Structures are given as structure tokens and as C-alpha cells.
Protein backbone atom coordinates (compact mmCIF):
# COMPACT_ATOMS: atom_id res chain seq x y z
CA MET A 1 11.79 5.40 -25.15
CA THR A 2 12.66 3.40 -22.00
CA LYS A 3 10.50 1.17 -20.25
CA TYR A 4 9.50 1.84 -16.76
CA LEU A 5 7.50 -0.21 -13.91
CA LEU A 6 4.79 1.84 -11.93
CA TYR A 7 3.76 0.11 -8.72
CA MET A 8 0.19 1.28 -7.65
CA VAL A 9 -1.71 0.31 -4.67
CA GLN A 10 -4.36 -1.77 -4.89
CA MET A 11 -6.96 0.43 -3.26
CA HIS A 12 -9.65 3.03 -4.76
CA LEU A 13 -9.49 1.50 -8.26
CA ASN A 14 -11.73 3.86 -9.85
CA PHE A 15 -9.71 6.62 -9.27
CA ARG A 16 -6.32 5.17 -10.14
CA ARG A 17 -6.09 5.94 -13.98
CA ALA A 18 -7.93 9.13 -13.66
CA GLU A 19 -5.08 10.50 -11.06
CA LEU A 20 -2.41 8.54 -13.74
CA GLU A 21 -4.11 10.00 -16.81
CA SER A 22 -4.27 13.96 -14.96
CA LEU A 23 -0.85 13.88 -13.64
CA ALA A 24 0.48 12.92 -17.17
CA ASP A 25 -1.17 15.80 -18.84
CA LEU A 26 -0.51 18.02 -16.08
CA PHE A 27 3.26 17.41 -16.88
CA ASN A 28 2.54 17.45 -20.53
CA ILE A 29 3.62 13.77 -20.62
CA LYS A 30 2.71 11.21 -23.53
CA ILE A 31 1.91 7.81 -22.08
CA ASN A 32 -0.09 5.21 -23.25
CA LEU A 33 -2.31 3.22 -20.59
CA ASP A 34 -3.67 0.83 -22.91
CA SER A 35 -2.10 -2.26 -20.95
CA TYR A 36 -3.51 -0.80 -17.73
CA ASN A 37 -5.79 -3.33 -15.53
CA GLU A 38 -7.29 -2.07 -12.78
CA HIS A 39 -6.96 -5.69 -11.17
CA SER A 40 -3.30 -5.78 -11.02
CA PRO A 41 -1.02 -2.89 -9.12
CA PHE A 42 1.86 -3.17 -12.02
CA LEU A 43 1.99 -1.41 -15.15
CA ILE A 44 4.91 -1.32 -17.57
CA VAL A 45 4.92 2.22 -19.58
CA ASP A 46 7.55 3.70 -21.96
CA LEU A 47 8.56 7.15 -21.26
CA ASP A 48 11.07 9.50 -22.98
CA ASN A 49 13.62 9.62 -19.60
CA GLU A 50 13.93 9.73 -16.07
CA GLU A 51 12.76 13.24 -15.58
CA GLN A 52 9.25 12.17 -17.12
CA ALA A 53 9.03 9.20 -14.38
CA LYS A 54 9.91 11.32 -11.82
CA GLN A 55 7.36 14.29 -12.52
CA LEU A 56 4.65 11.61 -13.46
CA ILE A 57 4.97 9.97 -9.88
CA GLN A 58 6.50 12.39 -7.64
CA ARG A 59 2.78 13.69 -6.36
CA SER A 60 0.95 10.56 -6.65
CA ILE A 61 -1.19 9.11 -3.86
CA LEU A 62 -2.15 5.96 -5.61
CA CYS A 63 1.14 4.88 -6.88
CA LYS A 64 4.07 3.51 -4.25
CA ALA A 65 7.15 3.92 -6.42
CA ILE A 66 8.24 3.96 -10.33
CA TYR A 67 11.38 1.96 -11.54
CA GLU A 68 13.41 1.41 -14.45
CA TYR A 69 12.37 -1.79 -15.51
CA TRP A 70 15.09 -4.22 -15.55
CA GLY A 71 13.28 -7.57 -16.06
CA TYR A 72 10.30 -9.93 -14.90
CA GLY A 73 10.34 -13.75 -14.58
CA GLN A 74 7.79 -16.19 -13.07
CA ASN A 75 10.57 -17.60 -10.56
CA TYR A 76 14.48 -16.28 -10.23
CA PRO A 77 16.12 -18.41 -12.93
CA THR A 78 13.88 -17.16 -15.13
CA LEU A 79 14.06 -13.88 -13.92
CA HIS A 80 18.10 -13.66 -14.31
CA GLN A 81 17.59 -15.03 -17.97
CA ASN A 82 15.55 -12.19 -19.11
CA ILE A 83 17.21 -9.65 -17.31
CA GLN A 84 20.41 -10.70 -19.21
CA ASN A 85 18.76 -10.71 -22.55
CA GLU A 86 17.46 -7.49 -22.29
CA PRO A 87 18.78 -5.64 -25.73
CA ASN A 88 20.19 -2.81 -23.09
CA PHE A 89 21.49 -4.77 -20.00
CA VAL A 90 25.35 -4.42 -20.57
CA GLN A 91 24.49 -0.46 -21.11
CA ARG A 92 22.33 -0.38 -17.68
CA ARG A 93 24.71 -2.85 -15.69
CA ASP A 94 27.98 -0.57 -17.14
CA SER A 95 26.53 2.80 -16.13
CA ASN A 96 25.78 1.77 -12.73
CA LYS A 97 28.67 -0.67 -12.00
CA PHE A 98 30.67 2.01 -9.59
CA LYS A 99 27.66 3.62 -7.98
CA SER A 100 27.28 2.87 -4.29
CA PHE A 101 24.13 1.09 -3.91
CA LYS A 102 21.70 -1.48 -2.03
CA PHE A 103 19.08 -3.85 -2.53
CA ASP A 104 15.55 -3.38 -1.28
CA PHE A 105 12.44 -6.45 -1.17
CA GLU A 106 8.76 -5.36 -1.88
CA SER A 107 5.88 -7.95 -1.96
CA PHE A 108 2.26 -7.76 -3.40
CA GLY A 109 -0.28 -10.77 -2.16
CA GLY A 110 1.48 -12.58 0.35
CA ASN A 111 2.89 -11.89 4.15
CA HIS A 112 5.99 -13.91 3.80
CA LYS A 113 8.90 -12.01 4.90
CA LYS A 114 12.38 -13.34 4.15
CA SER A 115 15.06 -13.46 6.88
CA LEU A 116 18.47 -11.96 6.47
CA PRO A 117 20.22 -15.44 5.10
CA GLU A 118 17.21 -15.58 2.49
CA LYS A 119 17.81 -11.99 1.57
CA ILE A 120 21.51 -12.07 1.24
CA ASP A 121 21.23 -15.60 -0.80
CA THR A 122 19.13 -13.88 -2.91
CA ILE A 123 21.17 -10.67 -3.33
CA ASN A 124 24.13 -12.95 -4.38
CA GLN A 125 22.43 -14.36 -7.24
CA PHE A 126 22.47 -11.28 -8.90
CA LYS A 127 26.13 -11.40 -8.89
CA TYR A 128 26.54 -10.99 -12.70
CA LEU A 129 25.34 -7.63 -12.36
CA ASP A 130 29.10 -7.30 -11.24
CA PHE A 131 28.27 -4.11 -9.49
CA GLN A 132 31.87 -2.90 -7.81
CA GLY A 133 30.40 0.01 -5.85
CA GLU A 134 30.07 0.71 -2.23
CA ILE A 135 27.24 -1.09 -0.02
CA LYS A 136 25.56 1.66 1.21
CA LEU A 137 22.03 1.03 3.40
CA LYS A 138 21.42 4.61 3.88
CA ASP A 139 21.68 7.17 1.10
CA PRO A 140 22.86 5.04 -1.82
CA GLN A 141 23.15 6.13 -5.02
CA GLU A 142 21.08 3.72 -6.46
CA ILE A 143 18.47 1.03 -5.00
CA PHE A 144 17.67 -1.71 -6.88
CA THR A 145 14.07 -3.22 -6.02
CA ILE A 146 13.31 -6.97 -5.90
CA ILE A 147 9.00 -7.32 -5.98
CA GLU A 148 7.93 -10.74 -5.43
CA THR A 149 4.17 -11.29 -6.01
CA TYR A 150 2.16 -14.13 -4.51
CA SER A 151 -1.00 -15.52 -5.84
CA MET A 152 -4.16 -16.08 -3.20
CA ILE A 153 -5.20 -19.65 -2.58
CA ASP A 154 -8.53 -17.95 -1.04
CA PRO A 155 -10.12 -15.06 -0.27
CA GLN A 156 -8.15 -15.01 2.99
CA THR A 157 -5.05 -16.65 2.47
CA SER A 158 -2.17 -16.18 0.11
CA SER A 159 0.66 -18.88 -1.45
CA ASN A 160 3.89 -18.94 0.16
CA GLN A 161 5.25 -19.29 -3.24
CA THR A 162 6.08 -16.71 -5.38
CA ASP A 163 4.41 -16.72 -8.91
CA GLY A 164 6.18 -13.70 -10.12
CA ILE A 165 9.17 -11.47 -9.58
CA TYR A 166 9.89 -7.74 -10.96
CA PHE A 167 13.12 -6.43 -10.87
CA GLY A 168 14.57 -2.68 -11.40
CA ARG A 169 15.98 0.45 -10.48
CA LEU A 170 14.34 2.89 -7.96
CA ILE A 171 13.53 6.24 -9.78
CA GLN A 172 10.80 7.85 -7.69
CA ARG A 173 8.68 7.21 -4.66
CA SER A 174 5.45 8.73 -4.48
CA ASP A 175 3.64 11.42 -2.41
CA ARG A 176 1.72 8.74 -0.41
CA SER A 177 3.49 9.43 2.98
CA SER A 178 1.74 12.52 2.94
CA MET A 179 -1.58 10.89 3.87
CA ASP A 180 0.13 10.33 7.08
CA LEU A 181 1.33 13.99 7.40
CA TYR A 182 -2.48 15.11 6.73
CA ASP A 183 -4.53 12.30 8.73
CA LEU A 184 -7.42 13.99 10.28
CA LYS A 185 -6.22 12.57 13.76
CA LYS A 186 -3.63 14.84 13.91
CA ARG A 187 -5.20 17.92 12.55
CA PRO A 188 -5.65 20.72 15.05
CA TYR A 189 -8.72 21.70 13.92
CA LYS A 190 -11.66 19.31 12.09
CA GLY A 191 -15.26 18.62 12.20
CA THR A 192 -17.77 15.63 11.57
CA THR A 193 -17.76 16.54 7.99
CA SER A 194 -14.12 16.97 7.43
CA PHE A 195 -13.10 15.12 4.27
CA GLU A 196 -10.71 12.25 4.85
CA SER A 197 -6.80 13.38 3.69
CA GLU A 198 -6.41 10.66 1.09
CA LEU A 199 -9.12 11.45 -0.64
CA SER A 200 -8.64 14.85 -0.58
CA LEU A 201 -5.08 14.85 -1.99
CA ILE A 202 -6.29 12.43 -4.87
CA SER A 203 -9.28 14.91 -5.81
CA CYS A 204 -6.64 17.65 -5.79
CA ASN A 205 -4.28 15.66 -8.12
CA ILE A 206 -7.13 14.53 -10.57
CA ALA A 207 -8.43 18.25 -10.48
CA GLN A 208 -5.02 19.05 -11.70
CA VAL A 209 -4.34 21.80 -8.82
CA LYS A 210 -1.34 23.64 -9.74
CA PRO A 211 1.57 25.46 -7.57
CA GLY A 212 0.91 29.29 -7.89
CA THR A 213 -2.61 29.12 -8.99
CA ILE A 214 -5.61 29.86 -7.04
CA MET A 215 -7.93 27.22 -5.75
CA TYR A 216 -11.71 27.66 -4.65
CA ASP A 217 -13.63 25.66 -2.57
CA PRO A 218 -17.50 27.45 -2.23
CA PHE A 219 -18.46 25.02 0.30
CA ALA A 220 -14.78 24.92 2.28
CA GLY A 221 -16.24 23.61 5.82
CA THR A 222 -13.31 22.91 8.10
CA GLY A 223 -10.89 23.11 5.01
CA SER A 224 -10.10 19.62 3.74
CA PHE A 225 -9.68 20.47 0.23
CA LEU A 226 -7.81 23.89 1.01
CA VAL A 227 -4.89 22.00 3.14
CA ALA A 228 -4.71 19.43 0.35
CA GLY A 229 -4.44 22.47 -2.50
CA ALA A 230 -1.97 24.35 0.00
CA HIS A 231 0.14 21.24 0.14
CA PHE A 232 0.22 21.42 -3.87
CA ASP A 233 1.45 24.85 -3.42
CA ALA A 234 -1.80 26.03 -4.67
CA PHE A 235 -3.31 29.77 -3.08
CA VAL A 236 -6.39 28.44 -1.47
CA LEU A 237 -9.40 30.50 -1.16
CA GLY A 238 -12.70 29.21 0.93
CA THR A 239 -16.08 30.45 1.29
CA ASP A 240 -18.92 28.97 3.36
CA ILE A 241 -22.49 29.96 4.41
CA ASP A 242 -22.03 28.56 7.91
CA GLY A 243 -19.50 31.12 9.32
CA ARG A 244 -19.40 28.93 12.53
CA MET A 245 -17.26 26.15 10.69
CA ILE A 246 -14.69 29.05 9.43
CA ARG A 247 -14.27 30.71 12.89
CA GLY A 248 -14.00 27.72 14.92
CA THR A 249 -15.76 26.47 18.18
CA GLY A 250 -13.26 27.69 20.78
CA LYS A 251 -12.23 30.85 21.78
CA GLY A 252 -8.67 30.50 20.75
CA SER A 253 -6.74 30.41 17.51
CA GLU A 254 -6.06 26.86 18.30
CA HIS A 255 -9.47 26.08 17.29
CA ASN A 256 -10.15 27.61 13.80
CA MET A 257 -9.51 26.45 10.63
CA VAL A 258 -6.21 28.80 10.29
CA ASP A 259 -4.55 26.85 12.87
CA ASN A 260 -4.07 23.62 10.39
CA PHE A 261 -2.14 26.33 7.69
CA ARG A 262 0.33 27.06 10.60
CA TYR A 263 0.42 23.38 11.68
CA TYR A 264 1.35 22.50 8.07
CA LYS A 265 3.55 25.56 7.84
CA THR A 266 1.40 26.60 4.81
CA GLU A 267 0.00 29.70 6.09
CA SER A 268 1.91 31.51 2.88
CA HIS A 269 -0.70 29.48 0.43
CA PHE A 270 -3.66 30.29 2.37
CA LEU A 271 -5.65 33.50 1.01
CA ASP A 272 -9.02 33.75 2.90
CA VAL A 273 -11.67 32.19 3.82
CA MET A 274 -15.11 34.10 3.80
CA THR A 275 -19.03 33.79 5.39
CA MET A 276 -21.00 33.67 1.76
CA ASP A 277 -23.88 31.94 0.26
CA PHE A 278 -22.66 30.38 -3.09
CA THR A 279 -25.64 30.92 -4.70
CA HIS A 280 -25.43 34.63 -3.82
CA ASN A 281 -21.62 34.69 -4.83
CA SER A 282 -19.91 38.16 -4.22
CA LEU A 283 -16.42 37.32 -5.53
CA ARG A 284 -15.34 40.12 -7.73
CA SER A 285 -16.06 38.88 -10.98
CA ASN A 286 -12.17 39.32 -12.53
CA LEU A 287 -10.61 37.56 -9.98
CA PRO A 288 -8.83 34.77 -11.51
CA ILE A 289 -9.90 31.31 -10.13
CA ASP A 290 -7.95 28.48 -11.68
CA THR A 291 -9.46 25.37 -10.26
CA ILE A 292 -12.81 24.67 -7.96
CA LEU A 293 -12.61 21.72 -5.93
CA CYS A 294 -15.44 21.16 -3.45
CA ASP A 295 -18.13 18.78 -1.45
CA PRO A 296 -21.06 20.31 -1.76
CA PRO A 297 -23.21 20.17 1.08
CA TYR A 298 -25.57 16.45 0.48
CA GLY A 299 -28.12 17.83 3.25
CA ILE A 300 -26.88 14.95 5.58
CA ARG A 301 -25.75 16.96 8.52
CA GLU A 302 -28.57 19.50 8.04
CA SER A 303 -31.17 20.26 5.14
CA ILE A 304 -29.36 22.45 2.27
CA LYS A 305 -30.31 26.11 2.94
CA VAL A 306 -29.60 29.20 1.20
CA LEU A 307 -30.26 33.11 1.77
CA GLY A 308 -34.10 33.90 1.58
CA ALA A 309 -36.91 33.45 3.28
CA LYS A 310 -39.38 30.44 2.56
CA ASP A 311 -42.28 32.51 3.12
CA PRO A 312 -41.29 36.25 2.09
CA GLU A 313 -44.61 37.75 3.13
CA ARG A 314 -43.78 37.08 6.86
CA PHE A 315 -40.54 39.24 6.45
CA GLU A 316 -41.85 42.19 4.73
CA GLY A 317 -41.03 44.79 5.80
CA LYS A 318 -38.76 43.44 8.33
CA GLU A 319 -35.32 44.69 6.89
CA ASN A 320 -36.12 47.97 8.55
CA VAL A 321 -36.07 46.93 11.73
CA VAL A 322 -33.57 49.11 14.14
CA ILE A 323 -31.72 47.73 17.11
CA ASP A 324 -30.05 50.31 19.29
CA GLY A 325 -29.99 52.90 16.84
CA GLU A 326 -28.75 50.17 13.86
CA LYS A 327 -30.66 48.41 11.27
CA ALA A 328 -30.68 44.98 12.31
CA TYR A 329 -29.18 43.32 9.17
CA LEU A 330 -25.85 45.54 9.49
CA ARG A 331 -24.97 44.54 12.84
CA LYS A 332 -22.36 41.56 13.64
CA ASP A 333 -24.47 39.45 15.45
CA TYR A 334 -27.16 39.80 12.85
CA ILE A 335 -28.18 35.86 11.57
CA PRO A 336 -29.85 36.19 8.09
CA THR A 337 -32.65 33.90 7.45
CA LYS A 338 -32.42 31.02 5.45
CA LYS A 339 -34.71 28.68 3.00
CA PRO A 340 -34.60 25.09 1.76
CA TYR A 341 -32.70 24.24 -1.73
CA SER A 342 -32.29 21.26 -3.35
CA LEU A 343 -28.88 19.72 -4.19
CA ASP A 344 -30.02 19.65 -7.85
CA SER A 345 -30.30 23.40 -7.98
CA LEU A 346 -26.88 23.73 -5.92
CA LEU A 347 -25.00 21.79 -8.80
CA ASP A 348 -26.82 23.41 -11.73
CA ASP A 349 -25.41 26.71 -9.78
CA LEU A 350 -22.02 25.28 -9.53
CA LEU A 351 -21.79 24.16 -12.81
CA LYS A 352 -22.74 27.79 -14.05
CA PHE A 353 -20.20 29.40 -12.32
CA ALA A 354 -17.48 26.97 -13.05
CA SER A 355 -18.47 27.73 -17.27
CA GLU A 356 -17.98 31.26 -16.32
CA ARG A 357 -15.26 31.64 -14.05
CA LEU A 358 -12.89 29.33 -14.79
CA PRO A 359 -10.18 29.63 -17.85
CA ILE A 360 -10.49 27.44 -21.02
CA GLY A 361 -8.83 24.19 -19.82
CA GLY A 362 -9.85 24.81 -16.21
CA ARG A 363 -11.23 21.90 -13.91
CA LEU A 364 -14.16 21.74 -12.00
CA ALA A 365 -14.17 19.09 -9.42
CA PHE A 366 -16.84 17.98 -6.53
CA TRP A 367 -18.17 14.94 -4.78
CA MET A 368 -22.11 14.16 -5.62
CA PRO A 369 -23.68 11.44 -3.69
CA THR A 370 -26.06 8.84 -5.02
CA ALA A 371 -28.24 6.01 -3.79
CA ASN A 372 -27.47 2.46 -5.13
CA ASP A 373 -30.73 0.68 -4.34
CA GLU A 374 -32.83 2.81 -6.46
CA ASN A 375 -33.30 1.03 -9.94
CA VAL A 376 -32.85 3.91 -11.80
CA GLU A 377 -29.71 4.99 -13.61
CA THR A 378 -27.94 7.99 -12.14
CA ILE A 379 -28.12 11.22 -14.05
CA ILE A 380 -25.14 13.60 -14.00
CA PRO A 381 -25.50 17.02 -13.90
CA LEU A 382 -24.44 18.51 -17.45
CA HIS A 383 -23.36 21.81 -18.84
CA LYS A 384 -22.88 22.60 -22.47
CA ASN A 385 -19.49 24.45 -21.96
CA LEU A 386 -18.30 22.08 -19.57
CA GLU A 387 -16.75 18.29 -20.82
CA LEU A 388 -17.18 15.72 -17.94
CA LYS A 389 -13.67 13.88 -18.13
CA TYR A 390 -14.31 11.67 -14.89
CA ASN A 391 -16.84 10.02 -13.03
CA CYS A 392 -15.11 8.09 -10.25
CA VAL A 393 -17.22 5.98 -7.75
CA GLN A 394 -16.60 5.16 -4.26
CA GLU A 395 -18.57 2.63 -3.39
CA PHE A 396 -20.51 2.03 0.48
CA ASN A 397 -23.28 -0.06 1.10
CA LYS A 398 -26.55 1.20 -0.17
CA TRP A 399 -25.12 4.46 -1.33
CA SER A 400 -22.26 5.82 -3.36
CA ARG A 401 -20.18 9.32 -3.84
CA ARG A 402 -18.77 10.17 -7.02
CA LEU A 403 -15.94 12.54 -7.84
CA LEU A 404 -17.26 14.44 -11.09
CA VAL A 405 -14.63 15.95 -12.72
CA TYR A 406 -15.14 18.74 -15.56
CA ILE A 407 -12.77 20.85 -18.17
CA ASN A 408 -14.19 24.44 -19.10
CA ARG A 409 -14.35 24.36 -22.87
CA GLY A 410 -16.10 27.47 -23.19
CA ASP A 411 -18.85 28.66 -25.56
CA LYS A 412 -17.80 27.01 -28.69
CA TYR A 413 -17.86 23.21 -27.12
CA ASN A 414 -21.61 23.04 -26.70
CA GLY A 415 -22.06 19.70 -25.37
CA PRO A 416 -25.18 18.05 -23.48
CA GLU A 417 -27.07 20.03 -20.75
CA ASN A 418 -29.33 19.10 -18.34
CA HIS A 419 -29.93 21.88 -16.52
CA GLY A 420 -33.32 22.34 -14.39
CA ILE A 421 -34.05 18.64 -14.34
CA LYS A 422 -34.92 16.59 -11.19
CA ARG A 423 -32.17 14.06 -11.11
CA SER A 424 -33.31 12.08 -8.29
CA GLN A 425 -36.93 10.85 -7.50
CA THR A 426 -36.30 10.67 -3.82
CA ASN A 427 -34.42 13.12 -1.15
CA PHE A 428 -30.94 11.64 -0.53
CA ARG A 429 -30.93 12.96 3.19
CA ASP A 430 -34.42 11.28 4.03
CA ARG A 431 -33.11 7.92 2.43
CA TYR A 432 -29.87 8.27 4.38
CA PHE A 433 -31.41 8.64 7.71
CA THR A 434 -33.81 5.59 6.92
CA HIS A 435 -31.03 3.14 5.69
CA PHE A 436 -32.33 3.32 2.53
CA THR A 437 -35.19 0.97 3.43
CA LYS A 438 -37.77 3.77 1.86
């Protein structure tokens, strides 16, 4: 076993461990997270080899990089002593002795930028490494990184003095740079409900969206999760009750969802999107759906609706209306009637669908809103065949949203269930628009 240093981002702390565990499980990597601390961006783990380290981090969004851990010290003299006292120091030094290399500098908690003379002076302190290889600032064989940490004097001011230094050999950078590629501001087609790129990609990792599998979003909207799933080489399929979101708002192809996949060059992973009411799902029963990832309608932009009539008696007999010799409901311009539907019922339907359609071990992941100012416990929807694996919370002011992740365990699991109950005593949409004052 070899020690490796994980350098994580200090954001979305409630999601970091879930992503790390999910990626480790995805690649069948055994990892001990007992020393994980959500208040620290650093974590030292034991792994079998470099290949495991690369697999663990190469698609992570909430990590920056992973390094072969060489040492730590509260100051440079202590760091150098600890590096040389490591049992495998000589072996590491000699195995890198004739490789081309460079030194990188990173910092956490401070804004002090070393000048070039300061960097050179710091690098010269590592002369005991006795590297004989060529120094290459571009494409070296190895990159050795010095990470300096700074403590905060107060919430606005950091110290100019380091309080710790890590040193290691870079093994793998993460996929965090993809956030910029998928930035909504640069996306050809988006809408007011488009999900941000960072959490879309994180959701895919925690849901374990895998290459070559089918990922389904039953509330596709403008396709944010479909785009993220295609990035991880899954074949993506979506449906939405609002055909306008799928078709787009303009007259040209540059204004629809498909253009996003053309822009990202992932058309080969885009299966299709269909206008469909999820509660009247028409996907064939033997279609292999490996992962379900979605953001169900909260009822904020408009109230949740499904196909049907609120007052069925008013529409009795109207299914036989004929326009220009054709039954109205068969015409392309036909707009079916819709009726209100509760979020609780919609989530119950979603869990039931997942239990029936996902393979054993397949994951369902969706976002659910909750009001923070209600003095009642948040009731998470449960299904007897689904194990609730993660409940990750993103806090706002008076409300939050949760990424709920379930694993299909099949008929033999028989876990807790709360199907059919009312989980909130107030309407989230009404409270959202009154700024949670009522």
C-alpha cells in the first residue's frame, strides 16, 4: 500500500465524501475514509497503486488532484526532515532520479504569491533529492508539488505565514476543468430552469453514471443532466411533459436541445428526447435503464401538472371531437388537458418506477426541495426495495434542496417505506413566492 494525498475543493462540503465514495465503489477501489474531515481540503489515503489513484480522481469534480505523498511539515525544515525520514525515501528518490521534472506551487487559505526568486530559493532547499534529469517547464515526466497552507486571522484576513506544507508527486488531476467547458453561459441552448454545470457533473458521479450504459432523465427540461451524462460517455435518454423545452423556442436547430450535443461533440451519446408525461410512461418495459438522474419539477415556474382533467365531467364525450375530418386528439397541434399533481405523489411514482426498471445495484438520484424554516423534520420519500444511500444538502437562505440517491436492492431488501403520505404540511411553491414568510 502507498500513501496518496487528496487535494479537494472547499465547496459543496456535503457532497464531497459521497462523490469520493461513489467513485471508489464505481472502480472497485477499497478506501478507508475514517480520517476524512469536511473542514479540511486534504486527505491522506492508502491505495494499492498509481492506477487506482488515477481512477479515483480522473472524473472527480470536487477534487483538484491526487499526489503520491512524500511528506508534511509545519515549516520547511520540518518538512525536509520528514521527507528524508520516510522509510521509502531512497527508493522514491532513485526511481525519479533521471526523469525530466518541474516543481509546482499551490496554496490554500492564503493569497501570498511567491516571487520567482522566492520560488527558486524554495526549490533549492530540495537539493537533497539529487535529481539529475532535465528541468522541463512543459510536459515533464514528473511534477513535484509544494502545497502551502495558511491559517485565517479572521474571516476576512489570512496570515502571511504558512502553518503547514505538503510535498508530493502529481499522479492525476481531476475533471474539474470540465465545469468551464459546460458553463451555462457558453451553452447554445438553455432555459430559466437549466441546472448548473458543476452540480450536474457531481450528480452524475454520485449516481455512478457509467460509460456505455443508458441514463434516463424523466424531467429533461433543457437537458442539463443529459449533457452531463454524455460527458461521462453514457447513452442518454430524456422525456418531458413540456414539448416546448425539447423543441426549443426558435425556428432553427441552433435553438434546441440537440444543438448542445453538437456543440460538445457528444451527438453519438444522445439517444433521444420525447414529449411524455412521466406518470403515463410509455417506454417499453424491456428497455435497459441503468441510471435515473433528474430534477423533478418543484412547481416553482408553474404548478406541477400531469395529463388528465381536473374536472372529468366537463370533458366527457369530447374525445370524439373531429376537426377537418380528423379526431382532435390525433392532430399534431393537439394540446392535451392537464390536471394539478402533488410533488409527494410524483416522487412516489418516481421511486416505484426506479424499483421496477433499474437493475439490482442501479442508482436513482434526484433533487428535492425543502423549506428550512418549518419546525418539522424533513420526511424523505422511501421505497421498500430501494436503499437510501445519500442525502446531500445544498443550503440556501430559507430553503434547501437535497440530492437523494437510492440503490435498487430488489424484492428481497424489504426496507422502510412511506408511500402515499403527505411529507410537508405546506405547499412549497406558495411558500417560495412569499419568501417563506407565511
